[in-house]
Amino acid sequence: MSDSITKKSTKKLFLHDKPFMILQTINNNDGRIYSAMISKKIDCSYAYIVKLIKIMNALGITTSEGTNHKKLIKLTVKGKRTFKHLSEL
């Protein structure tokens, strides 16, 4: 985990609806989803989605594969566990 991403900021991240909705959307689409698709599905700006995905990638929750403009977003094992625990709350 990088110095700029602390445990406190991680907790703060998941106290909002949109990060959970991102995880839910990725989980429901078997990892075959792009940032733009997530943006449309949860009615959120593309820039905000990209920012959150970057943070989730840094935390090891998601991975991104592909070119700069079209990156498939997938949940890692850690991401699947995180989603499972959050959905049980």
PDB file of N, CA and C in Angstrom:
ATOM      1  N   MET A   1       0.858  -1.165   0.000  1.00  0.00           N
ATOM      2  CA  MET A   1       0.000   0.000   0.000  1.00  0.00           C
ATOM      3  C   MET A   1       0.902   1.225   0.000  1.00  0.00           C
ATOM      4  N   SER A   2       0.644   2.194  -0.845  1.00  0.00           N
ATOM      5  CA  SER A   2       1.494   3.373  -0.920  1.00  0.00           C
ATOM      6  C   SER A   2       1.270   4.283   0.277  1.00  0.00           C
ATOM      7  N   ASP A   3       2.233   5.179   0.482  1.00  0.00           N
ATOM      8  CA  ASP A   3       2.160   6.088   1.625  1.00  0.00           C
ATOM      9  C   ASP A   3       0.948   7.009   1.560  1.00  0.00           C
ATOM     10  N   SER A   4       0.554   7.391   0.339  1.00  0.00           N
ATOM     11  CA  SER A   4      -0.565   8.319   0.202  1.00  0.00           C
ATOM     12  C   SER A   4      -1.916   7.652   0.461  1.00  0.00           C
ATOM     13  N   ILE A   5      -1.944   6.337   0.416  1.00  0.00           N
ATOM     14  CA  ILE A   5      -3.187   5.608   0.664  1.00  0.00           C
ATOM     15  C   ILE A   5      -3.049   4.921   2.019  1.00  0.00           C
ATOM     16  N   THR A   6      -3.656   5.515   3.019  1.00  0.00           N
ATOM     17  CA  THR A   6      -3.549   4.990   4.377  1.00  0.00           C
ATOM     18  C   THR A   6      -4.778   4.165   4.723  1.00  0.00           C
ATOM     19  N   LYS A   7      -4.714   3.505   5.868  1.00  0.00           N
ATOM     20  CA  LYS A   7      -5.873   2.728   6.323  1.00  0.00           C
ATOM     21  C   LYS A   7      -7.059   3.645   6.564  1.00  0.00           C
ATOM     22  N   LYS A   8      -6.791   4.849   7.073  1.00  0.00           N
ATOM     23  CA  LYS A   8      -7.868   5.805   7.332  1.00  0.00           C
ATOM     24  C   LYS A   8      -8.567   6.184   6.026  1.00  0.00           C
ATOM     25  N   SER A   9      -7.790   6.430   4.978  1.00  0.00           N
ATOM     26  CA  SER A   9      -8.409   6.810   3.707  1.00  0.00           C
ATOM     27  C   SER A   9      -9.153   5.623   3.097  1.00  0.00           C
ATOM     28  N   THR A  10      -8.685   4.406   3.356  1.00  0.00           N
ATOM     29  CA  THR A  10      -9.377   3.215   2.864  1.00  0.00           C
ATOM     30  C   THR A  10     -10.735   3.083   3.531  1.00  0.00           C
ATOM     31  N   LYS A  11     -10.779   3.280   4.834  1.00  0.00           N
ATOM     32  CA  LYS A  11     -12.056   3.225   5.549  1.00  0.00           C
ATOM     33  C   LYS A  11     -12.991   4.309   5.038  1.00  0.00           C
ATOM     34  N   LYS A  12     -12.455   5.501   4.845  1.00  0.00           N
ATOM     35  CA  LYS A  12     -13.261   6.622   4.364  1.00  0.00           C
ATOM     36  C   LYS A  12     -13.825   6.324   2.974  1.00  0.00           C
ATOM     37  N   LEU A  13     -13.027   5.650   2.146  1.00  0.00           N
ATOM     38  CA  LEU A  13     -13.450   5.308   0.789  1.00  0.00           C
ATOM     39  C   LEU A  13     -14.739   4.499   0.794  1.00  0.00           C
ATOM     40  N   PHE A  14     -14.828   3.487   1.646  1.00  0.00           N
ATOM     41  CA  PHE A  14     -15.970   2.591   1.615  1.00  0.00           C
ATOM     42  C   PHE A  14     -17.127   3.032   2.494  1.00  0.00           C
ATOM     43  N   LEU A  15     -17.054   4.222   3.049  1.00  0.00           N
ATOM     44  CA  LEU A  15     -18.188   4.773   3.771  1.00  0.00           C
ATOM     45  C   LEU A  15     -19.134   5.504   2.820  1.00  0.00           C
ATOM     46  N   HIS A  16     -18.812   5.506   1.555  1.00  0.00           N
ATOM     47  CA  HIS A  16     -19.644   6.144   0.535  1.00  0.00           C
ATOM     48  C   HIS A  16     -20.342   5.078  -0.309  1.00  0.00           C
ATOM     49  N   ASP A  17     -21.449   5.453  -0.921  1.00  0.00           N
ATOM     50  CA  ASP A  17     -22.230   4.513  -1.730  1.00  0.00           C
ATOM     51  C   ASP A  17     -21.544   4.109  -3.028  1.00  0.00           C
ATOM     52  N   LYS A  18     -20.957   5.061  -3.723  1.00  0.00           N
ATOM     53  CA  LYS A  18     -20.427   4.805  -5.068  1.00  0.00           C
ATOM     54  C   LYS A  18     -19.334   3.740  -5.105  1.00  0.00           C
ATOM     55  N   PRO A  19     -18.356   3.744  -4.185  1.00  0.00           N
ATOM     56  CA  PRO A  19     -17.352   2.669  -4.243  1.00  0.00           C
ATOM     57  C   PRO A  19     -17.970   1.277  -4.118  1.00  0.00           C
ATOM     58  N   PHE A  20     -18.948   1.128  -3.237  1.00  0.00           N
ATOM     59  CA  PHE A  20     -19.622  -0.170  -3.117  1.00  0.00           C
ATOM     60  C   PHE A  20     -20.375  -0.493  -4.396  1.00  0.00           C
ATOM     61  N   MET A  21     -21.026   0.499  -4.980  1.00  0.00           N
ATOM     62  CA  MET A  21     -21.766   0.280  -6.216  1.00  0.00           C
ATOM     63  C   MET A  21     -20.824  -0.129  -7.355  1.00  0.00           C
ATOM     64  N   ILE A  22     -19.603   0.410  -7.350  1.00  0.00           N
ATOM     65  CA  ILE A  22     -18.613   0.018  -8.351  1.00  0.00           C
ATOM     66  C   ILE A  22     -18.276  -1.463  -8.185  1.00  0.00           C
ATOM     67  N   LEU A  23     -17.985  -1.861  -6.946  1.00  0.00           N
ATOM     68  CA  LEU A  23     -17.671  -3.270  -6.678  1.00  0.00           C
ATOM     69  C   LEU A  23     -18.827  -4.180  -7.083  1.00  0.00           C
ATOM     70  N   GLN A  24     -20.026  -3.756  -6.766  1.00  0.00           N
ATOM     71  CA  GLN A  24     -21.222  -4.545  -7.089  1.00  0.00           C
ATOM     72  C   GLN A  24     -21.381  -4.689  -8.603  1.00  0.00           C
ATOM     73  N   THR A  25     -21.175  -3.612  -9.316  1.00  0.00           N
ATOM     74  CA  THR A  25     -21.313  -3.629 -10.771  1.00  0.00           C
ATOM     75  C   THR A  25     -20.264  -4.535 -11.411  1.00  0.00           C
ATOM     76  N   ILE A  26     -19.028  -4.433 -10.944  1.00  0.00           N
ATOM     77  CA  ILE A  26     -17.963  -5.294 -11.470  1.00  0.00           C
ATOM     78  C   ILE A  26     -18.279  -6.756 -11.162  1.00  0.00           C
ATOM     79  N   ASN A  27     -18.693  -7.028  -9.944  1.00  0.00           N
ATOM     80  CA  ASN A  27     -19.011  -8.393  -9.526  1.00  0.00           C
ATOM     81  C   ASN A  27     -20.152  -8.977 -10.360  1.00  0.00           C
ATOM     82  N   ASN A  28     -21.176  -8.188 -10.613  1.00  0.00           N
ATOM     83  CA  ASN A  28     -22.343  -8.667 -11.356  1.00  0.00           C
ATOM     84  C   ASN A  28     -22.075  -8.865 -12.845  1.00  0.00           C
ATOM     85  N   ASN A  29     -20.979  -8.297 -13.348  1.00  0.00           N
ATOM     86  CA  ASN A  29     -20.658  -8.414 -14.774  1.00  0.00           C
ATOM     87  C   ASN A  29     -19.460  -9.313 -15.021  1.00  0.00           C
ATOM     88  N   ASP A  30     -19.102 -10.142 -14.069  1.00  0.00           N
ATOM     89  CA  ASP A  30     -18.017 -11.108 -14.212  1.00  0.00           C
ATOM     90  C   ASP A  30     -16.719 -10.497 -14.731  1.00  0.00           C
ATOM     91  N   GLY A  31     -16.458  -9.249 -14.361  1.00  0.00           N
ATOM     92  CA  GLY A  31     -15.201  -8.619 -14.743  1.00  0.00           C
ATOM     93  C   GLY A  31     -15.120  -8.184 -16.188  1.00  0.00           C
ATOM     94  N   ARG A  32     -16.195  -8.288 -16.905  1.00  0.00           N
ATOM     95  CA  ARG A  32     -16.186  -7.853 -18.301  1.00  0.00           C
ATOM     96  C   ARG A  32     -16.864  -6.499 -18.417  1.00  0.00           C
ATOM     97  N   ILE A  33     -16.226  -5.525 -17.801  1.00  0.00           N
ATOM     98  CA  ILE A  33     -16.842  -4.202 -17.771  1.00  0.00           C
ATOM     99  C   ILE A  33     -15.748  -3.135 -17.839  1.00  0.00           C
ATOM    100  N   TYR A  34     -16.091  -2.021 -18.427  1.00  0.00           N
ATOM    101  CA  TYR A  34     -15.180  -0.895 -18.580  1.00  0.00           C
ATOM    102  C   TYR A  34     -15.635   0.256 -17.684  1.00  0.00           C
ATOM    103  N   SER A  35     -14.745   1.194 -17.439  1.00  0.00           N
ATOM    104  CA  SER A  35     -15.064   2.344 -16.594  1.00  0.00           C
ATOM    105  C   SER A  35     -16.278   3.115 -17.115  1.00  0.00           C
ATOM    106  N   ALA A  36     -16.346   3.300 -18.422  1.00  0.00           N
ATOM    107  CA  ALA A  36     -17.474   4.035 -19.006  1.00  0.00           C
ATOM    108  C   ALA A  36     -18.794   3.309 -18.753  1.00  0.00           C
ATOM    109  N   MET A  37     -18.770   1.980 -18.806  1.00  0.00           N
ATOM    110  CA  MET A  37     -19.987   1.208 -18.556  1.00  0.00           C
ATOM    111  C   MET A  37     -20.418   1.335 -17.095  1.00  0.00           C
ATOM    112  N   ILE A  38     -19.443   1.306 -16.195  1.00  0.00           N
ATOM    113  CA  ILE A  38     -19.739   1.476 -14.767  1.00  0.00           C
ATOM    114  C   ILE A  38     -20.348   2.849 -14.540  1.00  0.00           C
ATOM    115  N   SER A  39     -19.757   3.851 -15.174  1.00  0.00           N
ATOM    116  CA  SER A  39     -20.239   5.226 -15.046  1.00  0.00           C
ATOM    117  C   SER A  39     -21.713   5.344 -15.434  1.00  0.00           C
ATOM    118  N   LYS A  40     -22.095   4.708 -16.519  1.00  0.00           N
ATOM    119  CA  LYS A  40     -23.483   4.753 -16.977  1.00  0.00           C
ATOM    120  C   LYS A  40     -24.410   3.971 -16.053  1.00  0.00           C
ATOM    121  N   LYS A  41     -23.957   2.810 -15.603  1.00  0.00           N
ATOM    122  CA  LYS A  41     -24.812   1.956 -14.775  1.00  0.00           C
ATOM    123  C   LYS A  41     -25.117   2.558 -13.410  1.00  0.00           C
ATOM    124  N   ILE A  42     -24.152   3.260 -12.817  1.00  0.00           N
ATOM    125  CA  ILE A  42     -24.398   3.805 -11.476  1.00  0.00           C
ATOM    126  C   ILE A  42     -24.620   5.308 -11.497  1.00  0.00           C
ATOM    127  N   ASP A  43     -24.741   5.883 -12.689  1.00  0.00           N
ATOM    128  CA  ASP A  43     -25.033   7.306 -12.853  1.00  0.00           C
ATOM    129  C   ASP A  43     -24.034   8.166 -12.080  1.00  0.00           C
ATOM    130  N   CYS A  44     -22.789   8.066 -12.495  1.00  0.00           N
ATOM    131  CA  CYS A  44     -21.704   8.791 -11.842  1.00  0.00           C
ATOM    132  C   CYS A  44     -20.735   9.248 -12.927  1.00  0.00           C
ATOM    133  N   SER A  45     -20.008  10.313 -12.689  1.00  0.00           N
ATOM    134  CA  SER A  45     -19.112  10.832 -13.721  1.00  0.00           C
ATOM    135  C   SER A  45     -17.982   9.849 -14.019  1.00  0.00           C
ATOM    136  N   TYR A  46     -17.590   9.830 -15.266  1.00  0.00           N
ATOM    137  CA  TYR A  46     -16.512   8.949 -15.713  1.00  0.00           C
ATOM    138  C   TYR A  46     -15.217   9.258 -14.961  1.00  0.00           C
ATOM    139  N   ALA A  47     -14.915  10.533 -14.784  1.00  0.00           N
ATOM    140  CA  ALA A  47     -13.684  10.937 -14.105  1.00  0.00           C
ATOM    141  C   ALA A  47     -13.640  10.407 -12.670  1.00  0.00           C
ATOM    142  N   TYR A  48     -14.766  10.449 -11.977  1.00  0.00           N
ATOM    143  CA  TYR A  48     -14.829   9.959 -10.601  1.00  0.00           C
ATOM    144  C   TYR A  48     -14.635   8.442 -10.559  1.00  0.00           C
ATOM    145  N   ILE A  49     -15.217   7.735 -11.510  1.00  0.00           N
ATOM    146  CA  ILE A  49     -15.062   6.282 -11.593  1.00  0.00           C
ATOM    147  C   ILE A  49     -13.598   5.929 -11.814  1.00  0.00           C
ATOM    148  N   VAL A  50     -12.945   6.607 -12.740  1.00  0.00           N
ATOM    149  CA  VAL A  50     -11.539   6.340 -13.031  1.00  0.00           C
ATOM    150  C   VAL A  50     -10.687   6.603 -11.791  1.00  0.00           C
ATOM    151  N   LYS A  51     -10.982   7.664 -11.073  1.00  0.00           N
ATOM    152  CA  LYS A  51     -10.242   7.998  -9.848  1.00  0.00           C
ATOM    153  C   LYS A  51     -10.403   6.879  -8.809  1.00  0.00           C
ATOM    154  N   LEU A  52     -11.621   6.422  -8.594  1.00  0.00           N
ATOM    155  CA  LEU A  52     -11.866   5.364  -7.614  1.00  0.00           C
ATOM    156  C   LEU A  52     -11.244   4.037  -8.047  1.00  0.00           C
ATOM    157  N   ILE A  53     -11.299   3.733  -9.337  1.00  0.00           N
ATOM    158  CA  ILE A  53     -10.697   2.496  -9.841  1.00  0.00           C
ATOM    159  C   ILE A  53      -9.185   2.526  -9.625  1.00  0.00           C
ATOM    160  N   LYS A  54      -8.568   3.693  -9.826  1.00  0.00           N
ATOM    161  CA  LYS A  54      -7.134   3.820  -9.576  1.00  0.00           C
ATOM    162  C   LYS A  54      -6.799   3.509  -8.122  1.00  0.00           C
ATOM    163  N   ILE A  55      -7.603   4.037  -7.209  1.00  0.00           N
ATOM    164  CA  ILE A  55      -7.401   3.778  -5.781  1.00  0.00           C
ATOM    165  C   ILE A  55      -7.597   2.296  -5.485  1.00  0.00           C
ATOM    166  N   MET A  56      -8.647   1.714  -6.049  1.00  0.00           N
ATOM    167  CA  MET A  56      -8.921   0.285  -5.823  1.00  0.00           C
ATOM    168  C   MET A  56      -7.809  -0.593  -6.402  1.00  0.00           C
ATOM    169  N   ASN A  57      -7.240  -0.185  -7.534  1.00  0.00           N
ATOM    170  CA  ASN A  57      -6.104  -0.912  -8.108  1.00  0.00           C
ATOM    171  C   ASN A  57      -4.908  -0.853  -7.158  1.00  0.00           C
ATOM    172  N   ALA A  58      -4.646   0.327  -6.607  1.00  0.00           N
ATOM    173  CA  ALA A  58      -3.524   0.512  -5.680  1.00  0.00           C
ATOM    174  C   ALA A  58      -3.711  -0.319  -4.409  1.00  0.00           C
ATOM    175  N   LEU A  59      -4.953  -0.513  -4.004  1.00  0.00           N
ATOM    176  CA  LEU A  59      -5.250  -1.305  -2.814  1.00  0.00           C
ATOM    177  C   LEU A  59      -5.287  -2.799  -3.100  1.00  0.00           C
ATOM    178  N   GLY A  60      -5.216  -3.172  -4.372  1.00  0.00           N
ATOM    179  CA  GLY A  60      -5.241  -4.585  -4.742  1.00  0.00           C
ATOM    180  C   GLY A  60      -6.636  -5.172  -4.781  1.00  0.00           C
ATOM    181  N   ILE A  61      -7.644  -4.319  -4.891  1.00  0.00           N
ATOM    182  CA  ILE A  61      -9.039  -4.760  -4.912  1.00  0.00           C
ATOM    183  C   ILE A  61      -9.500  -5.050  -6.341  1.00  0.00           C
ATOM    184  N   THR A  62      -8.989  -4.273  -7.284  1.00  0.00           N
ATOM    185  CA  THR A  62      -9.333  -4.466  -8.694  1.00  0.00           C
ATOM    186  C   THR A  62      -8.063  -4.523  -9.525  1.00  0.00           C
ATOM    187  N   THR A  63      -8.199  -5.022 -10.739  1.00  0.00           N
ATOM    188  CA  THR A  63      -7.129  -4.966 -11.727  1.00  0.00           C
ATOM    189  C   THR A  63      -7.717  -4.404 -13.012  1.00  0.00           C
ATOM    190  N   SER A  64      -6.866  -3.796 -13.802  1.00  0.00           N
ATOM    191  CA  SER A  64      -7.287  -3.234 -15.088  1.00  0.00           C
ATOM    192  C   SER A  64      -6.403  -3.814 -16.174  1.00  0.00           C
ATOM    193  N   GLU A  65      -7.016  -4.302 -17.238  1.00  0.00           N
ATOM    194  CA  GLU A  65      -6.281  -4.877 -18.368  1.00  0.00           C
ATOM    195  C   GLU A  65      -6.737  -4.199 -19.644  1.00  0.00           C
ATOM    196  N   GLY A  66      -5.799  -3.925 -20.527  1.00  0.00           N
ATOM    197  CA  GLY A  66      -6.164  -3.373 -21.822  1.00  0.00           C
ATOM    198  C   GLY A  66      -5.441  -2.092 -22.132  1.00  0.00           C
ATOM    199  N   THR A  67      -5.928  -1.394 -23.148  1.00  0.00           N
ATOM    200  CA  THR A  67      -5.314  -0.139 -23.573  1.00  0.00           C
ATOM    201  C   THR A  67      -5.746   0.996 -22.658  1.00  0.00           C
ATOM    202  N   ASN A  68      -5.175   2.162 -22.882  1.00  0.00           N
ATOM    203  CA  ASN A  68      -5.501   3.326 -22.050  1.00  0.00           C
ATOM    204  C   ASN A  68      -6.980   3.678 -22.069  1.00  0.00           C
ATOM    205  N   HIS A  69      -7.614   3.550 -23.209  1.00  0.00           N
ATOM    206  CA  HIS A  69      -9.007   3.966 -23.329  1.00  0.00           C
ATOM    207  C   HIS A  69     -10.007   2.855 -23.028  1.00  0.00           C
ATOM    208  N   LYS A  70      -9.611   1.635 -23.231  1.00  0.00           N
ATOM    209  CA  LYS A  70     -10.522   0.512 -22.991  1.00  0.00           C
ATOM    210  C   LYS A  70      -9.846  -0.489 -22.078  1.00  0.00           C
ATOM    211  N   LYS A  71     -10.069  -0.358 -20.790  1.00  0.00           N
ATOM    212  CA  LYS A  71      -9.493  -1.281 -19.826  1.00  0.00           C
ATOM    213  C   LYS A  71     -10.590  -2.093 -19.175  1.00  0.00           C
ATOM    214  N   LEU A  72     -10.456  -3.405 -19.263  1.00  0.00           N
ATOM    215  CA  LEU A  72     -11.383  -4.286 -18.558  1.00  0.00           C
ATOM    216  C   LEU A  72     -11.069  -4.203 -17.070  1.00  0.00           C
ATOM    217  N   ILE A  73     -12.088  -4.033 -16.271  1.00  0.00           N
ATOM    218  CA  ILE A  73     -11.925  -3.949 -14.830  1.00  0.00           C
ATOM    219  C   ILE A  73     -12.383  -5.272 -14.233  1.00  0.00           C
ATOM    220  N   LYS A  74     -11.548  -5.846 -13.370  1.00  0.00           N
ATOM    221  CA  LYS A  74     -11.887  -7.115 -12.725  1.00  0.00           C
ATOM    222  C   LYS A  74     -11.610  -7.005 -11.233  1.00  0.00           C
ATOM    223  N   LEU A  75     -12.366  -7.771 -10.455  1.00  0.00           N
ATOM    224  CA  LEU A  75     -12.100  -7.871  -9.026  1.00  0.00           C
ATOM    225  C   LEU A  75     -11.006  -8.907  -8.794  1.00  0.00           C
ATOM    226  N   THR A  76     -10.107  -8.603  -7.878  1.00  0.00           N
ATOM    227  CA  THR A  76      -9.109  -9.575  -7.457  1.00  0.00           C
ATOM    228  C   THR A  76      -9.756 -10.471  -6.402  1.00  0.00           C
ATOM    229  N   VAL A  77      -9.014 -11.441  -5.914  1.00  0.00           N
ATOM    230  CA  VAL A  77      -9.518 -12.295  -4.829  1.00  0.00           C
ATOM    231  C   VAL A  77      -9.822 -11.413  -3.616  1.00  0.00           C
ATOM    232  N   LYS A  78      -8.912 -10.485  -3.335  1.00  0.00           N
ATOM    233  CA  LYS A  78      -9.122  -9.540  -2.228  1.00  0.00           C
ATOM    234  C   LYS A  78     -10.371  -8.694  -2.476  1.00  0.00           C
ATOM    235  N   GLY A  79     -10.586  -8.295  -3.720  1.00  0.00           N
ATOM    236  CA  GLY A  79     -11.759  -7.508  -4.078  1.00  0.00           C
ATOM    237  C   GLY A  79     -13.056  -8.273  -3.891  1.00  0.00           C
ATOM    238  N   LYS A  80     -13.034  -9.550  -4.251  1.00  0.00           N
ATOM    239  CA  LYS A  80     -14.224 -10.388  -4.074  1.00  0.00           C
ATOM    240  C   LYS A  80     -14.544 -10.569  -2.596  1.00  0.00           C
ATOM    241  N   ARG A  81     -13.492 -10.762  -1.798  1.00  0.00           N
ATOM    242  CA  ARG A  81     -13.693 -10.880  -0.340  1.00  0.00           C
ATOM    243  C   ARG A  81     -14.233  -9.578   0.235  1.00  0.00           C
ATOM    244  N   THR A  82     -13.668  -8.456  -0.208  1.00  0.00           N
ATOM    245  CA  THR A  82     -14.109  -7.143   0.256  1.00  0.00           C
ATOM    246  C   THR A  82     -15.571  -6.923  -0.090  1.00  0.00           C
ATOM    247  N   PHE A  83     -15.955  -7.243  -1.327  1.00  0.00           N
ATOM    248  CA  PHE A  83     -17.341  -7.081  -1.750  1.00  0.00           C
ATOM    249  C   PHE A  83     -18.257  -7.959  -0.905  1.00  0.00           C
ATOM    250  N   LYS A  84     -17.842  -9.196  -0.687  1.00  0.00           N
ATOM    251  CA  LYS A  84     -18.658 -10.113   0.110  1.00  0.00           C
ATOM    252  C   LYS A  84     -18.900  -9.570   1.523  1.00  0.00           C
ATOM    253  N   HIS A  85     -17.827  -9.083   2.148  1.00  0.00           N
ATOM    254  CA  HIS A  85     -17.961  -8.555   3.514  1.00  0.00           C
ATOM    255  C   HIS A  85     -18.816  -7.293   3.553  1.00  0.00           C
ATOM    256  N   LEU A  86     -18.631  -6.419   2.566  1.00  0.00           N
ATOM    257  CA  LEU A  86     -19.422  -5.191   2.543  1.00  0.00           C
ATOM    258  C   LEU A  86     -20.894  -5.479   2.270  1.00  0.00           C
ATOM    259  N   SER A  87     -21.176  -6.460   1.427  1.00  0.00           N
ATOM    260  CA  SER A  87     -22.569  -6.760   1.108  1.00  0.00           C
ATOM    261  C   SER A  87     -23.285  -7.441   2.282  1.00  0.00           C
ATOM    262  N   GLU A  88     -22.528  -8.010   3.210  1.00  0.00           N
ATOM    263  CA  GLU A  88     -23.124  -8.626   4.388  1.00  0.00           C
ATOM    264  C   GLU A  88     -23.477  -7.605   5.462  1.00  0.00           C
ATOM    265  N   LEU A  89     -22.963  -6.390   5.334  1.00  0.00           N
ATOM    266  CA  LEU A  89     -23.249  -5.356   6.344  1.00  0.00           C
ATOM    267  C   LEU A  89     -24.666  -4.861   6.254  1.00  0.00           C
TER     268      LEU A  89
END
